[in-house]
Amino acid sequence: MSFEPESLAYYQLASVQAAVSAEPELESSSISVSMVGRSVLLEGYVASYSDREKATAIAALIAGPENVHDRMQDRDSTTDS
């Protein structure tokens, strides 16, 4: 049984989205998961460094650490002083 690259990317995307949203300690509502080629792209806002680490670790377990790109931002850094 072989997978086409498109179906593998869709499977990874769906798996990462489900795993991130299922993590009870992670504010996943503000994290967007998408695919760029074979890479998982994490965007949005996180409440803490711990949330960032959890989200990237979840994605790395599914797609491999070399295929995860973190573009998340800390919520606190978005407010101007």
Protein backbone atom coordinates (compact mmCIF):
# COMPACT_ATOMS: atom_id res chain seq x y z
CA MET A 1 0.00 0.00 0.00
CA SER A 2 1.45 3.35 -0.99
CA PHE A 3 0.30 6.88 -0.33
CA GLU A 4 0.27 9.75 -2.78
CA PRO A 5 2.13 12.81 -1.44
CA GLU A 6 -1.11 14.82 -1.37
CA SER A 7 -2.96 12.23 0.73
CA LEU A 8 0.00 11.89 3.09
CA ALA A 9 0.09 15.68 3.57
CA TYR A 10 -3.66 15.71 4.21
CA TYR A 11 -3.30 12.88 6.74
CA GLN A 12 -0.52 14.72 8.56
CA LEU A 13 -2.47 17.96 8.56
CA ALA A 14 -5.59 16.29 9.95
CA SER A 15 -3.54 14.39 12.53
CA VAL A 16 -1.72 17.48 13.80
CA GLN A 17 -4.94 19.53 13.91
CA ALA A 18 -6.72 16.81 15.89
CA ALA A 19 -3.81 16.31 18.30
CA VAL A 20 -3.38 20.03 18.98
CA SER A 21 -7.09 20.54 19.59
CA ALA A 22 -7.22 17.46 21.84
CA GLU A 23 -4.43 18.69 24.14
CA PRO A 24 -6.32 19.80 27.29
CA GLU A 25 -3.60 22.15 28.57
CA LEU A 26 -3.12 23.94 25.25
CA GLU A 27 -5.10 26.94 24.07
CA SER A 28 -5.48 25.54 20.59
CA SER A 29 -8.26 27.87 19.50
CA SER A 30 -5.72 30.51 18.51
CA ILE A 31 -3.28 28.12 16.79
CA SER A 32 -3.70 27.54 13.08
CA VAL A 33 -2.20 24.42 11.52
CA SER A 34 -1.51 24.27 7.79
CA MET A 35 0.76 22.46 5.36
CA VAL A 36 3.33 23.97 3.01
CA GLY A 37 4.64 21.12 0.91
CA ARG A 38 5.66 18.47 3.43
CA SER A 39 6.06 20.95 6.26
CA VAL A 40 3.60 21.65 9.05
CA LEU A 41 3.17 25.36 9.65
CA LEU A 42 2.01 26.51 13.10
CA GLU A 43 0.69 30.08 13.22
CA GLY A 44 -1.36 32.14 15.61
CA TYR A 45 -0.96 33.21 19.20
CA VAL A 46 0.11 31.30 22.29
CA ALA A 47 -0.37 32.29 25.91
CA SER A 48 3.04 31.09 27.05
CA TYR A 49 6.33 29.53 26.05
CA SER A 50 5.00 26.26 27.45
CA ASP A 51 2.09 26.34 24.97
CA ARG A 52 4.54 26.95 22.12
CA GLU A 53 6.65 23.97 23.20
CA LYS A 54 3.61 21.69 23.50
CA ALA A 55 2.28 22.61 20.07
CA THR A 56 5.62 22.15 18.32
CA ALA A 57 6.26 18.86 20.15
CA ILE A 58 2.87 17.50 19.07
CA ALA A 59 3.50 18.47 15.45
CA ALA A 60 7.04 17.04 15.56
CA LEU A 61 5.78 13.67 16.80
CA ILE A 62 3.53 13.40 13.76
CA ALA A 63 5.48 15.12 10.98
CA GLY A 64 9.04 14.92 12.28
CA PRO A 65 10.93 17.81 13.90
CA GLU A 66 12.59 18.83 10.64
CA ASN A 67 9.14 19.36 9.08
CA VAL A 68 7.70 21.76 11.67
CA HIS A 69 7.84 25.52 11.23
CA ASP A 70 6.85 27.66 14.20
CA ARG A 71 5.41 31.06 13.30
CA MET A 72 3.41 31.43 16.49
CA GLN A 73 3.59 34.66 18.47
CA ASP A 74 3.28 35.33 22.17
CA ARG A 75 0.05 37.16 22.99
CA ASP A 76 1.88 39.52 25.34
CA SER A 77 4.28 40.66 22.63
CA THR A 78 1.44 41.85 20.39
CA THR A 79 0.38 44.68 22.69
CA ASP A 80 2.20 47.96 22.24
CA SER A 81 3.42 49.77 25.33
